[in-house]
Protein backbone atom coordinates (compact mmCIF):
# COMPACT_ATOMS: atom_id res chain seq x y z
CA PHE A 1 22.18 19.36 7.79
CA ILE A 2 20.30 22.55 8.90
CA GLN A 3 17.25 21.53 6.84
CA MET A 4 17.22 17.98 8.27
CA PHE A 5 17.92 19.12 11.89
CA SER A 6 15.14 21.73 11.63
CA ASP A 7 12.64 19.16 10.26
CA VAL A 8 13.41 16.12 12.42
CA VAL A 9 14.45 17.85 15.67
CA MET A 10 12.52 21.13 15.67
CA ASN A 11 9.41 20.22 13.45
CA VAL A 12 10.05 23.05 10.95
CA GLU A 13 8.42 21.97 7.74
CA LYS A 14 10.86 20.90 4.97
CA TYR A 15 9.18 22.76 2.13
CA LYS A 16 10.23 26.14 3.62
CA PHE A 17 13.85 25.20 2.92
CA GLU A 18 13.03 23.51 -0.44
CA GLU A 19 11.60 26.76 -1.67
CA VAL A 20 14.96 28.49 -1.06
CA LEU A 21 16.86 25.78 -2.89
CA THR A 22 14.39 25.78 -5.84
CA ARG A 23 14.70 29.59 -6.13
CA VAL A 24 18.53 29.59 -6.07
CA LYS A 25 18.67 26.80 -8.68
CA GLU A 26 16.15 28.59 -10.92
CA GLU A 27 18.00 31.93 -10.59
CA ASN A 28 21.26 30.30 -11.79
CA GLY A 29 19.82 27.79 -14.28
CA TYR A 30 20.97 24.71 -12.22
CA THR A 31 19.21 21.34 -12.49
CA GLN A 32 20.86 19.50 -9.46
CA ASP A 33 21.50 20.56 -5.85
CA SER A 34 25.15 19.57 -6.42
CA ASP A 35 25.42 22.20 -9.27
CA MET A 36 25.58 24.92 -6.61
CA ASN A 37 28.99 26.45 -6.03
CA GLU A 38 30.57 27.65 -2.69
CA LYS A 39 29.13 31.12 -2.97
CA ASP A 40 25.61 29.78 -3.57
CA LEU A 41 25.86 27.46 -0.64
CA PHE A 42 26.98 30.23 1.77
CA LYS A 43 23.92 32.22 0.68
CA VAL A 44 21.61 29.21 1.17
CA VAL A 45 23.08 28.43 4.59
CA GLU A 46 22.39 32.03 5.77
CA GLU A 47 18.81 31.89 4.47
CA PHE A 48 18.39 28.44 6.17
CA LYS A 49 19.59 29.93 9.49
CA ALA A 50 17.16 32.84 9.09
CA ILE A 51 14.23 30.41 8.56
CA TYR A 52 15.30 28.51 11.73
CA ARG A 53 15.53 31.75 13.70
CA LYS A 54 12.09 32.76 12.54
CA GLU A 55 10.39 29.42 13.15
CA VAL A 56 12.12 28.31 16.35
CA GLY A 57 12.61 31.80 17.95
CA ARG A 58 16.34 31.41 18.56
CA ASP A 59 19.59 30.99 16.62
CA PHE A 60 20.67 27.66 15.15
CA PRO A 61 22.77 25.80 17.78
CA MET A 62 26.45 25.76 16.77
CA SER A 63 27.68 23.56 19.62
CA VAL A 64 27.97 19.89 18.56
CA LYS A 65 27.06 18.67 22.03
CA GLU A 66 23.93 20.82 22.01
CA GLN A 67 22.93 19.52 18.56
CA LEU A 68 23.50 15.90 19.72
CA MET A 69 21.44 16.29 22.88
CA LEU A 70 18.58 17.92 21.10
CA ALA A 71 18.62 15.16 18.44
CA VAL A 72 18.64 12.41 21.18
CA GLU A 73 15.65 14.14 22.82
CA ALA A 74 13.84 14.30 19.50
CA VAL A 75 14.14 10.50 19.08
CA PHE A 76 12.63 9.86 22.50
CA LYS A 77 9.89 12.36 21.78
CA SER A 78 9.06 10.65 18.46
CA TRP A 79 7.90 7.59 20.29
CA ASN A 80 4.72 9.41 21.19
CA ASN A 81 4.05 11.45 18.00
CA ASN A 82 0.92 10.77 16.08
CA ARG A 83 2.45 8.78 13.20
CA ALA A 84 4.26 6.45 15.63
CA LYS A 85 0.98 5.74 17.42
CA VAL A 86 -0.76 5.02 14.12
CA TYR A 87 2.10 2.71 12.97
CA ARG A 88 1.99 0.78 16.20
CA ARG A 89 -1.72 0.40 16.05
CA LEU A 90 -1.42 -0.88 12.47
CA HIS A 91 1.21 -3.49 13.38
CA ASN A 92 -0.09 -4.44 16.84
CA ILE A 93 2.99 -3.12 18.66
CA SER A 94 2.61 -2.26 22.40
CA ASP A 95 2.73 1.43 23.41
CA LYS A 96 4.71 0.36 26.52
CA LEU A 97 7.92 -0.84 24.92
CA GLY A 98 9.66 2.51 24.58
CA THR A 99 12.48 3.26 22.15
CA ALA A 100 16.26 3.52 22.02
CA VAL A 101 18.76 5.95 20.52
CA ASN A 102 21.60 4.65 18.51
CA ILE A 103 24.56 7.08 18.00
CA GLN A 104 27.11 6.22 15.35
CA ALA A 105 29.96 7.92 13.42
CA MET A 106 28.94 9.48 10.12
CA VAL A 107 30.24 8.55 6.66
CA PHE A 108 29.81 10.96 3.84
CA GLY A 109 28.58 10.19 0.40
CA ASN A 110 28.77 13.81 -0.72
CA MET A 111 32.56 14.40 -0.83
CA GLY A 112 32.93 14.14 -4.61
CA ASP A 113 32.32 11.82 -7.53
CA ASN A 114 33.94 8.76 -5.96
CA CYS A 115 31.29 9.00 -3.22
CA GLY A 116 27.59 8.09 -3.24
CA THR A 117 24.70 6.70 -1.24
CA GLY A 118 21.83 4.34 -1.87
CA VAL A 119 19.13 2.01 -0.72
CA SER A 120 18.82 -1.43 -2.13
CA PHE A 121 16.70 -4.56 -1.58
CA SER A 122 18.41 -7.93 -1.96
CA ARG A 123 15.44 -8.99 -4.06
CA ASN A 124 12.67 -7.20 -5.95
CA PRO A 125 10.10 -6.08 -3.29
CA VAL A 126 7.35 -5.89 -5.93
CA THR A 127 7.72 -9.32 -7.58
CA GLY A 128 10.12 -11.18 -5.19
CA GLU A 129 12.52 -11.89 -8.10
CA ASP A 130 16.10 -12.80 -6.94
CA LYS A 131 17.68 -9.69 -8.30
CA LEU A 132 19.01 -6.51 -6.64
CA PHE A 133 16.44 -3.73 -6.63
CA GLY A 134 17.43 -0.24 -5.61
CA GLU A 135 18.74 3.19 -6.31
CA TYR A 136 21.67 5.35 -5.62
CA LEU A 137 23.03 8.86 -6.14
CA ILE A 138 26.62 9.88 -6.77
CA ASN A 139 27.96 12.67 -4.53
CA ALA A 140 24.91 12.65 -2.17
CA GLN A 141 23.77 11.91 1.33
CA GLY A 142 21.25 9.15 2.28
CA GLU A 143 18.45 11.55 2.89
CA ASP A 144 18.56 12.72 -0.78
CA VAL A 145 17.51 9.23 -1.92
CA VAL A 146 14.79 8.29 0.49
CA ALA A 147 13.21 11.77 0.73
CA GLY A 148 12.38 11.59 -2.95
CA ILE A 149 13.78 15.14 -3.58
CA ARG A 150 16.34 14.07 -6.24
CA THR A 151 15.67 11.37 -8.84
CA PRO A 152 18.22 8.66 -8.33
CA LYS A 153 19.91 6.10 -10.69
CA ASN A 154 19.05 2.36 -10.84
CA ILE A 155 21.38 0.19 -8.69
CA SER A 156 22.35 -1.79 -11.86
CA ILE A 157 24.18 1.32 -13.16
CA LEU A 158 26.57 1.12 -10.15
CA GLU A 159 28.04 -1.87 -11.97
CA GLU A 160 29.24 0.50 -14.78
CA ASP A 161 30.19 3.40 -12.40
CA MET A 162 32.10 1.36 -9.77
CA PRO A 163 32.24 -2.31 -10.86
CA HIS A 164 34.34 -3.61 -7.91
CA LEU A 165 32.05 -1.96 -5.38
CA TYR A 166 28.99 -3.31 -7.10
CA GLU A 167 30.45 -6.79 -6.88
CA GLU A 168 31.27 -6.28 -3.18
CA PHE A 169 27.75 -5.07 -2.57
CA VAL A 170 26.10 -8.02 -4.26
CA ASP A 171 28.24 -10.34 -2.20
CA ILE A 172 27.37 -8.63 1.12
CA SER A 173 23.59 -8.60 0.14
CA LYS A 174 23.61 -12.38 -0.21
CA LYS A 175 25.62 -12.85 3.07
CA LEU A 176 23.09 -10.71 4.95
CA GLU A 177 20.21 -12.64 3.43
CA ARG A 178 21.65 -15.95 4.52
CA HIS A 179 22.43 -14.64 7.98
CA TYR A 180 18.96 -13.19 8.61
CA LYS A 181 17.21 -15.89 6.51
CA ASP A 182 15.11 -13.24 4.76
CA MET A 183 15.21 -10.62 2.06
CA GLN A 184 16.97 -7.51 3.22
CA ASP A 185 16.47 -3.71 2.86
CA ILE A 186 20.01 -2.27 2.96
CA GLU A 187 21.24 1.33 3.21
CA PHE A 188 24.82 1.97 2.05
CA THR A 189 27.23 4.84 1.56
CA ILE A 190 30.42 5.05 -0.48
CA GLU A 191 32.95 7.43 1.06
CA ASP A 192 36.09 8.10 -0.97
CA GLY A 193 35.75 4.76 -2.93
CA LYS A 194 35.05 2.63 0.11
CA LEU A 195 31.68 0.73 0.72
CA TYR A 196 30.01 1.17 4.15
CA ILE A 197 26.78 -0.70 5.07
CA LEU A 198 24.79 1.62 7.30
CA GLN A 199 21.91 -0.63 8.20
CA THR A 200 19.93 -3.69 7.16
CA ARG A 201 16.52 -4.95 8.12
CA ASN A 202 13.95 -7.43 6.84
CA ALA A 203 12.45 -5.70 3.79
CA LYS A 204 8.84 -4.61 3.38
CA ARG A 205 7.39 -6.16 0.22
CA THR A 206 4.18 -6.64 -1.63
CA PRO A 207 2.04 -9.74 -0.79
CA ASN A 208 3.08 -11.37 -4.11
CA ALA A 209 6.71 -10.89 -3.20
CA VAL A 210 6.10 -12.23 0.27
CA VAL A 211 4.93 -15.55 -1.27
CA GLU A 212 7.63 -15.55 -3.99
CA VAL A 213 10.48 -14.90 -1.49
CA ALA A 214 9.17 -17.43 1.07
CA VAL A 215 8.84 -20.22 -1.58
CA SER A 216 12.27 -19.31 -3.08
CA LEU A 217 13.99 -19.46 0.34
CA VAL A 218 12.61 -22.96 0.89
CA GLU A 219 13.90 -24.05 -2.54
CA GLU A 220 17.29 -22.55 -1.68
CA GLY A 221 17.41 -24.52 1.49
CA ILE A 222 17.55 -21.41 3.71
CA ILE A 223 14.16 -21.93 5.61
CA SER A 224 11.77 -24.83 6.13
CA LYS A 225 8.26 -25.20 4.57
CA GLU A 226 6.79 -24.57 8.03
CA GLU A 227 8.70 -21.33 8.42
CA ALA A 228 7.60 -20.25 4.90
CA ILE A 229 3.94 -20.80 5.77
CA LEU A 230 4.30 -18.89 9.01
CA ARG A 231 5.72 -15.90 7.10
CA ILE A 232 2.54 -15.40 5.19
CA GLY A 233 0.24 -13.42 7.42
CA THR A 234 -3.56 -13.37 7.09
CA GLU A 235 -3.21 -9.75 6.00
CA GLU A 236 -0.96 -10.67 3.13
CA ILE A 237 -3.35 -13.37 1.91
CA ASN A 238 -6.16 -10.73 2.06
CA LYS A 239 -4.05 -8.43 -0.01
CA LEU A 240 -3.28 -11.13 -2.53
CA LEU A 241 -6.86 -10.72 -3.67
CA HIS A 242 -5.92 -7.42 -5.24
CA ALA A 243 -8.03 -6.23 -8.14
CA THR A 244 -6.65 -5.25 -11.60
CA PHE A 245 -8.27 -3.10 -14.32
CA GLU A 246 -10.47 -4.69 -16.86
CA GLU A 247 -8.65 -4.73 -20.31
CA LYS A 248 -11.52 -3.35 -22.43
CA SER A 249 -12.27 -0.54 -20.00
CA LEU A 250 -8.54 0.26 -19.80
CA LYS A 251 -8.18 0.67 -23.56
CA GLY A 252 -10.91 3.29 -23.62
CA ALA A 253 -9.48 5.19 -20.59
CA LYS A 254 -7.64 8.54 -20.92
CA GLU A 255 -4.10 8.29 -19.57
CA LEU A 256 -3.17 11.26 -17.40
CA THR A 257 0.43 10.51 -16.40
CA GLN A 258 2.96 7.72 -16.15
CA GLY A 259 5.09 7.35 -12.99
CA LEU A 260 6.94 4.49 -11.38
CA ALA A 261 4.97 1.33 -10.61
CA ALA A 262 5.71 1.46 -6.85
CA SER A 263 3.10 -0.90 -5.38
CA PRO A 264 0.73 -3.04 -7.39
CA GLY A 265 -3.08 -3.10 -7.42
CA ALA A 266 -5.86 -1.15 -9.05
CA ALA A 267 -7.69 1.61 -7.28
CA VAL A 268 -10.35 4.17 -8.14
CA GLY A 269 -11.13 7.19 -5.96
CA LYS A 270 -11.50 10.95 -5.52
CA ILE A 271 -8.37 12.93 -5.26
CA TYR A 272 -7.37 14.79 -2.07
CA PHE A 273 -4.17 16.72 -1.48
CA SER A 274 -3.67 16.48 2.32
CA ALA A 275 -3.72 13.53 4.77
CA GLU A 276 -6.27 15.31 7.00
CA GLU A 277 -8.73 15.85 4.14
CA ALA A 278 -8.17 12.28 2.92
CA VAL A 279 -9.03 10.83 6.36
CA GLU A 280 -12.20 12.92 6.55
CA ALA A 281 -13.37 12.15 2.97
CA ALA A 282 -12.58 8.43 3.33
CA LYS A 283 -15.47 8.11 5.84
CA THR A 284 -17.94 8.45 3.03
CA GLU A 285 -16.12 7.71 -0.29
CA ALA A 286 -13.05 6.06 -1.93
CA VAL A 287 -10.04 8.38 -1.75
CA VAL A 288 -6.72 8.75 -3.62
CA LEU A 289 -4.07 10.73 -1.83
CA VAL A 290 -2.09 12.93 -4.15
CA ARG A 291 1.12 14.57 -2.77
CA GLU A 292 4.36 16.09 -4.11
CA GLU A 293 6.00 13.55 -1.83
CA THR A 294 4.71 11.82 1.22
CA SER A 295 6.36 12.00 4.66
CA PRO A 296 5.73 9.94 7.81
CA GLU A 297 3.26 12.60 8.91
CA ASP A 298 0.91 11.49 6.08
CA ILE A 299 0.55 7.99 7.52
CA GLU A 300 -3.16 8.30 8.53
CA GLY A 301 -4.05 9.67 5.11
CA MET A 302 -2.23 6.78 3.43
CA VAL A 303 -4.04 4.25 5.64
CA SER A 304 -7.46 5.76 4.70
CA SER A 305 -6.71 6.03 0.95
CA GLU A 306 -7.31 3.40 -1.70
CA ALA A 307 -4.07 4.55 -3.50
CA ILE A 308 -1.18 7.04 -3.21
CA VAL A 309 0.16 9.15 -6.13
CA THR A 310 3.30 11.38 -5.79
CA LEU A 311 4.99 13.88 -8.00
CA ARG A 312 8.51 13.07 -6.76
CA GLY A 313 10.42 10.13 -5.43
CA GLY A 314 11.61 6.76 -6.58
CA MET A 315 10.95 3.11 -5.80
CA THR A 316 12.59 3.50 -2.37
CA SER A 317 10.91 6.72 -1.38
CA HIS A 318 8.64 6.86 1.76
CA ALA A 319 5.46 6.62 -0.25
CA ALA A 320 6.63 3.51 -2.15
CA VAL A 321 8.04 1.59 0.85
CA VAL A 322 5.00 2.36 3.12
CA ALA A 323 2.40 1.62 0.41
CA ARG A 324 4.07 -1.72 -0.41
CA GLY A 325 4.04 -2.69 3.29
CA MET A 326 0.31 -1.84 3.59
CA GLY A 327 -0.55 -3.57 0.28
CA LYS A 328 -1.84 -0.24 -1.09
CA CYS A 329 -1.63 0.73 -4.73
CA CYS A 330 1.00 3.44 -5.31
CA VAL A 331 2.53 5.33 -8.25
CA CYS A 332 5.52 7.58 -7.59
CA GLY A 333 7.54 10.19 -9.52
CA CYS A 334 4.77 11.51 -11.88
CA GLN A 335 6.97 14.46 -12.84
CA ASN A 336 4.55 16.16 -15.29
CA MET A 337 2.04 16.88 -12.42
CA ILE A 338 1.83 20.28 -10.81
CA ILE A 339 0.05 20.45 -7.45
CA ASP A 340 -1.34 23.74 -6.04
CA TYR A 341 -2.03 23.00 -2.37
CA LYS A 342 -3.60 26.37 -1.80
CA GLU A 343 -6.13 26.18 -4.74
CA LYS A 344 -6.44 22.39 -4.26
CA THR A 345 -5.77 21.67 -7.92
CA LEU A 346 -3.71 19.14 -9.93
CA ARG A 347 -2.44 20.34 -13.29
CA ILE A 348 -1.31 17.85 -15.95
CA SER A 349 -0.27 19.77 -19.19
CA ASP A 350 -3.43 21.73 -20.01
CA LEU A 351 -5.84 19.73 -17.85
CA VAL A 352 -6.79 20.85 -14.38
CA LEU A 353 -8.30 18.45 -11.88
CA ARG A 354 -9.86 19.65 -8.61
CA GLU A 355 -10.23 18.12 -5.15
CA GLY A 356 -12.98 15.48 -5.36
CA ASP A 357 -12.43 14.55 -9.04
CA THR A 358 -12.14 10.86 -9.78
CA ILE A 359 -9.00 9.15 -11.02
CA SER A 360 -7.97 5.44 -11.50
CA VAL A 361 -4.54 4.32 -10.39
CA ASP A 362 -2.68 1.23 -11.76
CA GLY A 363 0.13 0.44 -9.30
CA SER A 364 1.28 -2.44 -11.54
CA SER A 365 2.02 -0.24 -14.58
CA GLY A 366 2.58 3.12 -12.99
CA LYS A 367 -0.24 4.71 -15.07
CA VAL A 368 -2.89 7.07 -13.73
CA TYR A 369 -6.16 7.45 -15.72
CA LEU A 370 -8.92 10.13 -15.72
CA GLY A 371 -12.26 9.05 -14.32
CA GLU A 372 -13.34 5.52 -13.31
CA VAL A 373 -11.91 2.38 -14.93
CA GLU A 374 -13.54 -0.93 -14.31
CA LYS A 375 -11.76 -3.48 -12.01
CA VAL A 376 -11.52 -7.28 -12.10
CA ASP A 377 -10.66 -9.59 -9.23
CA ALA A 378 -7.25 -11.21 -8.69
CA THR A 379 -6.23 -14.79 -9.31
CA PHE A 380 -3.72 -16.89 -7.42
CA SER A 381 -0.14 -17.38 -8.73
CA SER A 382 1.44 -20.84 -9.19
CA ARG A 383 3.88 -19.97 -6.36
CA PHE A 384 0.90 -19.28 -4.02
CA LYS A 385 -0.73 -22.58 -4.97
CA LYS A 386 2.58 -24.27 -4.24
CA LEU A 387 2.67 -22.67 -0.79
CA LEU A 388 -0.95 -23.81 -0.16
CA SER A 389 -0.06 -27.38 -1.20
CA TRP A 390 2.66 -27.32 1.54
CA ALA A 391 0.05 -26.11 4.04
CA ASP A 392 -2.08 -29.07 2.92
CA GLU A 393 0.72 -31.41 3.72
CA ILE A 394 1.14 -30.07 7.21
CA ARG A 395 -2.27 -28.94 8.42
CA GLN A 396 -4.63 -31.01 10.59
CA MET A 397 -7.85 -29.09 9.88
CA SER A 398 -10.28 -29.07 6.92
CA VAL A 399 -11.60 -25.77 5.57
CA PHE A 400 -15.21 -25.42 4.60
CA ALA A 401 -16.91 -22.27 3.35
CA ASN A 402 -20.21 -20.45 3.79
CA ALA A 403 -22.10 -20.33 0.46
CA ASP A 404 -25.78 -19.70 -0.23
CA ASN A 405 -25.70 -19.60 -4.03
CA GLU A 406 -23.89 -20.92 -7.14
CA ILE A 407 -21.52 -17.90 -7.38
CA ASP A 408 -20.39 -18.12 -3.70
CA ALA A 409 -19.94 -21.90 -4.12
CA LYS A 410 -17.81 -21.59 -7.23
CA VAL A 411 -15.54 -18.91 -5.67
CA ALA A 412 -15.18 -21.05 -2.48
CA PHE A 413 -14.13 -24.07 -4.46
CA GLU A 414 -11.74 -22.03 -6.63
CA PHE A 415 -10.06 -20.99 -3.40
CA GLY A 416 -9.67 -24.60 -2.33
CA ALA A 417 -12.63 -25.10 0.15
CA GLU A 418 -13.24 -28.75 0.78
CA GLY A 419 -16.92 -28.39 1.12
CA ILE A 420 -19.71 -26.03 2.17
CA GLY A 421 -19.96 -25.95 5.91
CA LEU A 422 -23.12 -23.76 5.92
CA CYS A 423 -25.65 -23.02 3.32
CA ARG A 424 -28.23 -20.73 4.86
CA THR A 425 -31.47 -21.30 3.07
CA GLU A 426 -33.06 -18.05 4.13
CA HIS A 427 -30.32 -16.20 2.31
CA MET A 428 -31.59 -17.64 -1.00
CA PHE A 429 -34.66 -15.41 -0.87
CA PHE A 430 -33.26 -11.92 -0.49
CA GLU A 431 -33.43 -10.96 -4.16
CA GLU A 432 -36.25 -8.63 -5.15
CA ASP A 433 -38.35 -11.10 -7.19
CA ARG A 434 -38.04 -13.79 -4.45
CA ILE A 435 -38.56 -11.78 -1.28
CA SER A 436 -42.04 -10.77 -2.27
CA LEU A 437 -43.10 -14.43 -2.59
CA VAL A 438 -41.69 -15.15 0.84
CA ARG A 439 -43.50 -12.16 2.27
CA LYS A 440 -46.76 -13.35 0.71
CA MET A 441 -46.15 -16.87 2.02
CA ILE A 442 -45.53 -15.55 5.58
CA LEU A 443 -48.61 -13.26 5.51
CA ALA A 444 -50.92 -15.92 3.88
CA ALA A 445 -54.37 -16.05 5.49
CA ASP A 446 -54.59 -19.85 5.58
CA THR A 447 -52.66 -23.05 4.75
CA ALA A 448 -54.11 -23.31 1.23
CA GLU A 449 -52.84 -19.80 0.33
CA ARG A 450 -49.46 -20.49 1.98
CA VAL A 451 -49.05 -23.73 -0.04
CA LYS A 452 -49.75 -21.78 -3.25
CA PHE A 453 -46.75 -19.48 -2.62
CA LEU A 454 -44.56 -22.41 -1.42
CA GLU A 455 -45.24 -24.18 -4.68
CA ARG A 456 -43.86 -21.18 -6.56
CA LEU A 457 -40.86 -20.93 -4.30
CA GLN A 458 -39.94 -24.65 -4.54
CA PRO A 459 -38.68 -24.76 -8.14
CA ILE A 460 -36.58 -21.64 -7.53
CA GLN A 461 -34.90 -23.25 -4.54
CA SER A 462 -34.54 -26.61 -6.26
CA GLU A 463 -32.73 -24.90 -9.06
CA ASP A 464 -30.39 -23.09 -6.61
CA PHE A 465 -29.54 -26.36 -4.87
CA TYR A 466 -28.95 -28.09 -8.21
CA LYS A 467 -26.36 -25.44 -9.15
CA ILE A 468 -24.65 -25.52 -5.68
CA PHE A 469 -24.40 -29.37 -5.90
CA LYS A 470 -23.01 -29.09 -9.39
CA ALA A 471 -20.34 -26.60 -8.26
CA ALA A 472 -19.53 -28.86 -5.26
CA ASN A 473 -18.93 -31.80 -7.71
CA GLY A 474 -19.17 -34.48 -5.02
CA LYS A 475 -17.85 -32.45 -2.04
CA SER A 476 -20.14 -32.15 1.01
CA VAL A 477 -22.71 -29.40 1.45
CA ASN A 478 -24.38 -28.76 4.85
CA ILE A 479 -27.81 -27.20 4.44
CA ARG A 480 -29.48 -25.32 7.29
CA LEU A 481 -33.27 -25.58 6.89
CA LEU A 482 -35.33 -22.36 6.60
CA ASP A 483 -35.06 -20.41 9.85
CA PRO A 484 -36.51 -17.02 8.69
CA PRO A 485 -36.05 -14.18 11.13
CA LEU A 486 -39.19 -12.24 10.38
CA HIS A 487 -37.52 -8.85 10.74
CA GLU A 488 -35.19 -9.79 7.81
CA PHE A 489 -38.12 -10.60 5.47
CA LEU A 490 -40.92 -8.30 6.34
CA PRO A 491 -40.84 -4.71 5.15
CA LYS A 492 -39.93 -1.97 7.62
CA ASP A 493 -40.62 1.17 5.48
CA ASP A 494 -44.18 2.50 5.00
CA LYS A 495 -43.93 2.54 1.21
CA THR A 496 -43.12 -1.18 0.90
CA ILE A 497 -45.70 -2.06 3.49
CA GLU A 498 -48.38 -0.22 1.37
CA ILE A 499 -47.34 -2.02 -1.81
CA ILE A 500 -47.51 -5.45 -0.17
CA ALA A 501 -50.77 -4.70 1.60
CA GLU A 502 -52.23 -3.65 -1.78
CA GLU A 503 -50.82 -6.77 -3.55
CA LEU A 504 -52.23 -9.15 -0.95
CA ASN A 505 -55.38 -7.14 -0.35
CA VAL A 506 -54.81 -7.16 3.46
């Protein structure tokens, strides 16, 4: 309580308390926080109070009313902290709404072995599969699970530990899903053998799971096809085009560590150990944020990074949940990593990586590789195609694409375009071997010379059109005749101007 109050209400960093816990556990050879006895806990509490006194400048408040009022104040203040502003900007939420404080009685999951706490999704937030997905800890409080400080058990093991409660939980999960007509993210506590549901909300999930869940809910008769389509945002569709690693390149890659596959995708970037440095570096290069565990303060660094890798935490930790919501690649719980924030190094067994070194992160397998692994583009699942076919039944518009060459045309038709709405002929000439011919044609001294260059350009363009029509396979193609903005074709730098002048003898 002291640690959490200090962190959430007074902004005293958590690691200062963690260091004390780690030291006491090491001194006594304990592996879990719950191994500590009464004497150890008294000692820890005294040290925690001393940290509070040093950081805040006054004693820890012992009055319940004072604690409550300070906590209420902290919630109101949190509306305007940096991470809340970033979150609102990300999700287009107005700054003017304000927030509320909800006060409720506490239930305790840390009163013995018939108590526990956990977080569970009513379906798998990575794949969308209709199966409980979550974690819990026996004899613990909720913060222990989501903070990523202790490594929890899979929710399926609750069926062995407390079968009747597991059954009750499955039943409640389905009831909540039917009521809210969506997949749920549920927090629960077991106090003295009784199950309490603390909160439920529509669950964050990967773009693939968004599609899978929406289609499944239609098939289960819970929502309509129109509702399913409305649930897939343009951002999700964008993220469905996630890359994966190229098989051959992957086989030759050196595996650094294996963690939990918390959010799918493939990313390559340079490692940075703080959100601030990641934000700065991301202005010029691809970045991977590597942390012991993330906290809401790291949100800007997470937004700027291609991927997130953490040393601690499970599938319901902060890093995992936020990354899935953003469609970012994420690997959690890489327990064989040691991060030295001061020296800005990452040690994995005898290998030491420094800030700025490149790694490749596979959020679908949970593996992290040394250096750069080649990526390949994503393909659509059968469920996504099904959803698109429903959109076809309902829509009133046709979708055409821009395409100026064979590759663009093929991609457009693979993605279901009904034709090419605009083929910009000037874009056919930007490649190195073509642009010099166009320049010579523009700068020709007379018609005869111009025709000479046009005759060399014609077969090139005819071949391009042939390939585009072949890809279109009978679908319509709108061609815009050559409208060459001279500044796009003529050289701007002295060196190229000299070369062309020499070639044309002008």
